[in-house]
Amino acid sequence: MDLSQVTWKRGQGYDLAELDVLYTGNHARARSVLRAVDDKVDVGRMRALGFCVSIGHAEFMADRFRQHGVAAAAAVTSGVDRTTQQGLLRDFRAGKLRVLD
């Protein structure tokens, strides 16, 4: 991903809103990620943590994994209540979730 056009501020890093626009809804990049995952691991057995730039990006990627056939994918964000967050983390540790964004 070319980040050369994303604003960088010393001491603050990349502009998060600009990163969100760049990554969220980027179907070509998501396809590339999914292809790379397919090439490297057995998707049916993998357990993966995805690190995303925003809540929208995490939800987008979890949805893309589900559409790709990884039904056990979810996004854990500050937009999810604490009880649900804990349940998703518990399910991930137990192997019930394959992808946690």
C-alpha atoms as a PDB file:
ATOM      1  CA  MET A   1       0.000   0.000   0.000  1.00  0.00           C
ATOM      2  CA  ASP A   2       1.441   3.339  -1.046  1.00  0.00           C
ATOM      3  CA  LEU A   3       1.204   5.726   1.899  1.00  0.00           C
ATOM      4  CA  SER A   4       3.158   8.527   0.251  1.00  0.00           C
ATOM      5  CA  GLN A   5       0.027  10.678  -0.148  1.00  0.00           C
ATOM      6  CA  VAL A   6      -1.119  10.209   3.472  1.00  0.00           C
ATOM      7  CA  THR A   7      -0.338  13.116   5.781  1.00  0.00           C
ATOM      8  CA  TRP A   8       2.429  12.425   8.289  1.00  0.00           C
ATOM      9  CA  LYS A   9       2.851  14.597  11.368  1.00  0.00           C
ATOM     10  CA  ARG A  10       5.981  14.329  13.446  1.00  0.00           C
ATOM     11  CA  GLY A  11       5.167  12.909  16.872  1.00  0.00           C
ATOM     12  CA  GLN A  12       1.655  11.925  15.782  1.00  0.00           C
ATOM     13  CA  GLY A  13       2.184   9.563  12.848  1.00  0.00           C
ATOM     14  CA  TYR A  14      -0.145   9.133   9.901  1.00  0.00           C
ATOM     15  CA  ASP A  15      -3.475  10.951   9.755  1.00  0.00           C
ATOM     16  CA  LEU A  16      -5.948   8.291  10.916  1.00  0.00           C
ATOM     17  CA  ALA A  17      -8.882   9.658   8.918  1.00  0.00           C
ATOM     18  CA  GLU A  18      -6.824   9.496   5.725  1.00  0.00           C
ATOM     19  CA  LEU A  19      -5.693   5.941   6.526  1.00  0.00           C
ATOM     20  CA  ASP A  20      -9.300   4.942   7.150  1.00  0.00           C
ATOM     21  CA  VAL A  21     -10.332   6.254   3.717  1.00  0.00           C
ATOM     22  CA  LEU A  22      -7.392   4.450   2.095  1.00  0.00           C
ATOM     23  CA  TYR A  23      -8.008   1.036   3.705  1.00  0.00           C
ATOM     24  CA  THR A  24     -11.748   0.808   4.412  1.00  0.00           C
ATOM     25  CA  GLY A  25     -13.728  -0.315   1.398  1.00  0.00           C
ATOM     26  CA  ASN A  26     -10.586  -1.097  -0.594  1.00  0.00           C
ATOM     27  CA  HIS A  27     -11.796  -4.333  -2.181  1.00  0.00           C
ATOM     28  CA  ALA A  28      -8.665  -4.769  -4.335  1.00  0.00           C
ATOM     29  CA  ARG A  29      -6.435  -4.635  -1.247  1.00  0.00           C
ATOM     30  CA  ALA A  30      -8.757  -6.985   0.652  1.00  0.00           C
ATOM     31  CA  ARG A  31      -8.606  -9.471  -2.255  1.00  0.00           C
ATOM     32  CA  SER A  32      -4.824  -9.245  -2.165  1.00  0.00           C
ATOM     33  CA  VAL A  33      -4.791  -9.977   1.578  1.00  0.00           C
ATOM     34  CA  LEU A  34      -7.173 -12.916   1.149  1.00  0.00           C
ATOM     35  CA  ARG A  35      -5.103 -14.322  -1.742  1.00  0.00           C
ATOM     36  CA  ALA A  36      -1.936 -14.063   0.349  1.00  0.00           C
ATOM     37  CA  VAL A  37      -3.635 -15.841   3.253  1.00  0.00           C
ATOM     38  CA  ASP A  38      -4.843 -18.624   0.935  1.00  0.00           C
ATOM     39  CA  ASP A  39      -1.322 -19.031  -0.468  1.00  0.00           C
ATOM     40  CA  LYS A  40       0.368 -19.261   2.932  1.00  0.00           C
ATOM     41  CA  VAL A  41      -1.943 -21.102   5.332  1.00  0.00           C
ATOM     42  CA  ASP A  42      -4.775 -23.583   5.609  1.00  0.00           C
ATOM     43  CA  VAL A  43      -7.630 -21.122   6.091  1.00  0.00           C
ATOM     44  CA  GLY A  44      -9.807 -23.790   7.707  1.00  0.00           C
ATOM     45  CA  ARG A  45      -7.257 -24.262  10.497  1.00  0.00           C
ATOM     46  CA  MET A  46      -5.749 -20.806  10.883  1.00  0.00           C
ATOM     47  CA  ARG A  47      -6.209 -18.411  13.732  1.00  0.00           C
ATOM     48  CA  ALA A  48      -5.316 -14.847  12.856  1.00  0.00           C
ATOM     49  CA  LEU A  49      -5.334 -11.421  14.456  1.00  0.00           C
ATOM     50  CA  GLY A  50      -5.864  -8.519  12.090  1.00  0.00           C
ATOM     51  CA  PHE A  51      -4.623  -5.086  13.046  1.00  0.00           C
ATOM     52  CA  CYS A  52      -6.750  -2.394  11.451  1.00  0.00           C
ATOM     53  CA  VAL A  53      -6.565   1.384  11.238  1.00  0.00           C
ATOM     54  CA  SER A  54     -10.141   2.046  12.393  1.00  0.00           C
ATOM     55  CA  ILE A  55     -13.380   0.472  13.548  1.00  0.00           C
ATOM     56  CA  GLY A  56     -14.719   0.689   9.992  1.00  0.00           C
ATOM     57  CA  HIS A  57     -11.628  -1.045   8.628  1.00  0.00           C
ATOM     58  CA  ALA A  58     -11.906  -3.854  11.219  1.00  0.00           C
ATOM     59  CA  GLU A  59     -15.586  -4.408  10.416  1.00  0.00           C
ATOM     60  CA  PHE A  60     -14.863  -4.278   6.663  1.00  0.00           C
ATOM     61  CA  MET A  61     -12.089  -6.886   6.911  1.00  0.00           C
ATOM     62  CA  ALA A  62     -14.103  -9.219   9.158  1.00  0.00           C
ATOM     63  CA  ASP A  63     -16.922  -9.003   6.601  1.00  0.00           C
ATOM     64  CA  ARG A  64     -14.511  -9.704   3.712  1.00  0.00           C
ATOM     65  CA  PHE A  65     -13.179 -12.793   5.518  1.00  0.00           C
ATOM     66  CA  ARG A  66     -16.751 -14.025   6.083  1.00  0.00           C
ATOM     67  CA  GLN A  67     -17.608 -13.451   2.408  1.00  0.00           C
ATOM     68  CA  HIS A  68     -14.446 -15.368   1.509  1.00  0.00           C
ATOM     69  CA  GLY A  69     -15.744 -18.410   3.396  1.00  0.00           C
ATOM     70  CA  VAL A  70     -14.213 -17.851   6.824  1.00  0.00           C
ATOM     71  CA  ALA A  71     -17.515 -17.794   8.694  1.00  0.00           C
ATOM     72  CA  ALA A  72     -15.766 -17.502  12.057  1.00  0.00           C
ATOM     73  CA  ALA A  73     -14.452 -13.938  11.644  1.00  0.00           C
ATOM     74  CA  ALA A  74     -15.350 -10.979  13.848  1.00  0.00           C
ATOM     75  CA  ALA A  75     -14.270  -7.447  14.682  1.00  0.00           C
ATOM     76  CA  VAL A  76     -13.531  -6.502  18.285  1.00  0.00           C
ATOM     77  CA  THR A  77     -13.699  -2.735  18.604  1.00  0.00           C
ATOM     78  CA  SER A  78     -14.631  -0.051  21.087  1.00  0.00           C
ATOM     79  CA  GLY A  79     -18.003  -0.002  19.314  1.00  0.00           C
ATOM     80  CA  VAL A  80     -18.804  -3.435  20.766  1.00  0.00           C
ATOM     81  CA  ASP A  81     -20.015  -3.681  24.357  1.00  0.00           C
ATOM     82  CA  ARG A  82     -17.573  -5.104  26.922  1.00  0.00           C
ATOM     83  CA  THR A  83     -19.477  -8.364  27.445  1.00  0.00           C
ATOM     84  CA  THR A  84     -19.506  -9.067  23.705  1.00  0.00           C
ATOM     85  CA  GLN A  85     -15.802  -8.164  23.453  1.00  0.00           C
ATOM     86  CA  GLN A  86     -14.953 -10.635  26.210  1.00  0.00           C
ATOM     87  CA  GLY A  87     -17.088 -13.330  24.563  1.00  0.00           C
ATOM     88  CA  LEU A  88     -15.370 -12.836  21.197  1.00  0.00           C
ATOM     89  CA  LEU A  89     -11.926 -12.997  22.814  1.00  0.00           C
ATOM     90  CA  ARG A  90     -12.937 -16.145  24.710  1.00  0.00           C
ATOM     91  CA  ASP A  91     -14.228 -17.720  21.478  1.00  0.00           C
ATOM     92  CA  PHE A  92     -10.999 -16.815  19.682  1.00  0.00           C
ATOM     93  CA  ARG A  93      -8.858 -18.372  22.420  1.00  0.00           C
ATOM     94  CA  ALA A  94     -11.042 -21.500  22.309  1.00  0.00           C
ATOM     95  CA  GLY A  95     -10.627 -21.787  18.540  1.00  0.00           C
ATOM     96  CA  LYS A  96     -14.261 -21.024  17.710  1.00  0.00           C
ATOM     97  CA  LEU A  97     -13.228 -17.873  15.819  1.00  0.00           C
ATOM     98  CA  ARG A  98     -10.590 -18.086  13.090  1.00  0.00           C
ATOM     99  CA  VAL A  99     -10.084 -14.360  12.444  1.00  0.00           C
ATOM    100  CA  LEU A 100     -10.313 -11.507  14.909  1.00  0.00           C
ATOM    101  CA  ASP A 101      -9.909  -7.991  13.487  1.00  0.00           C
END
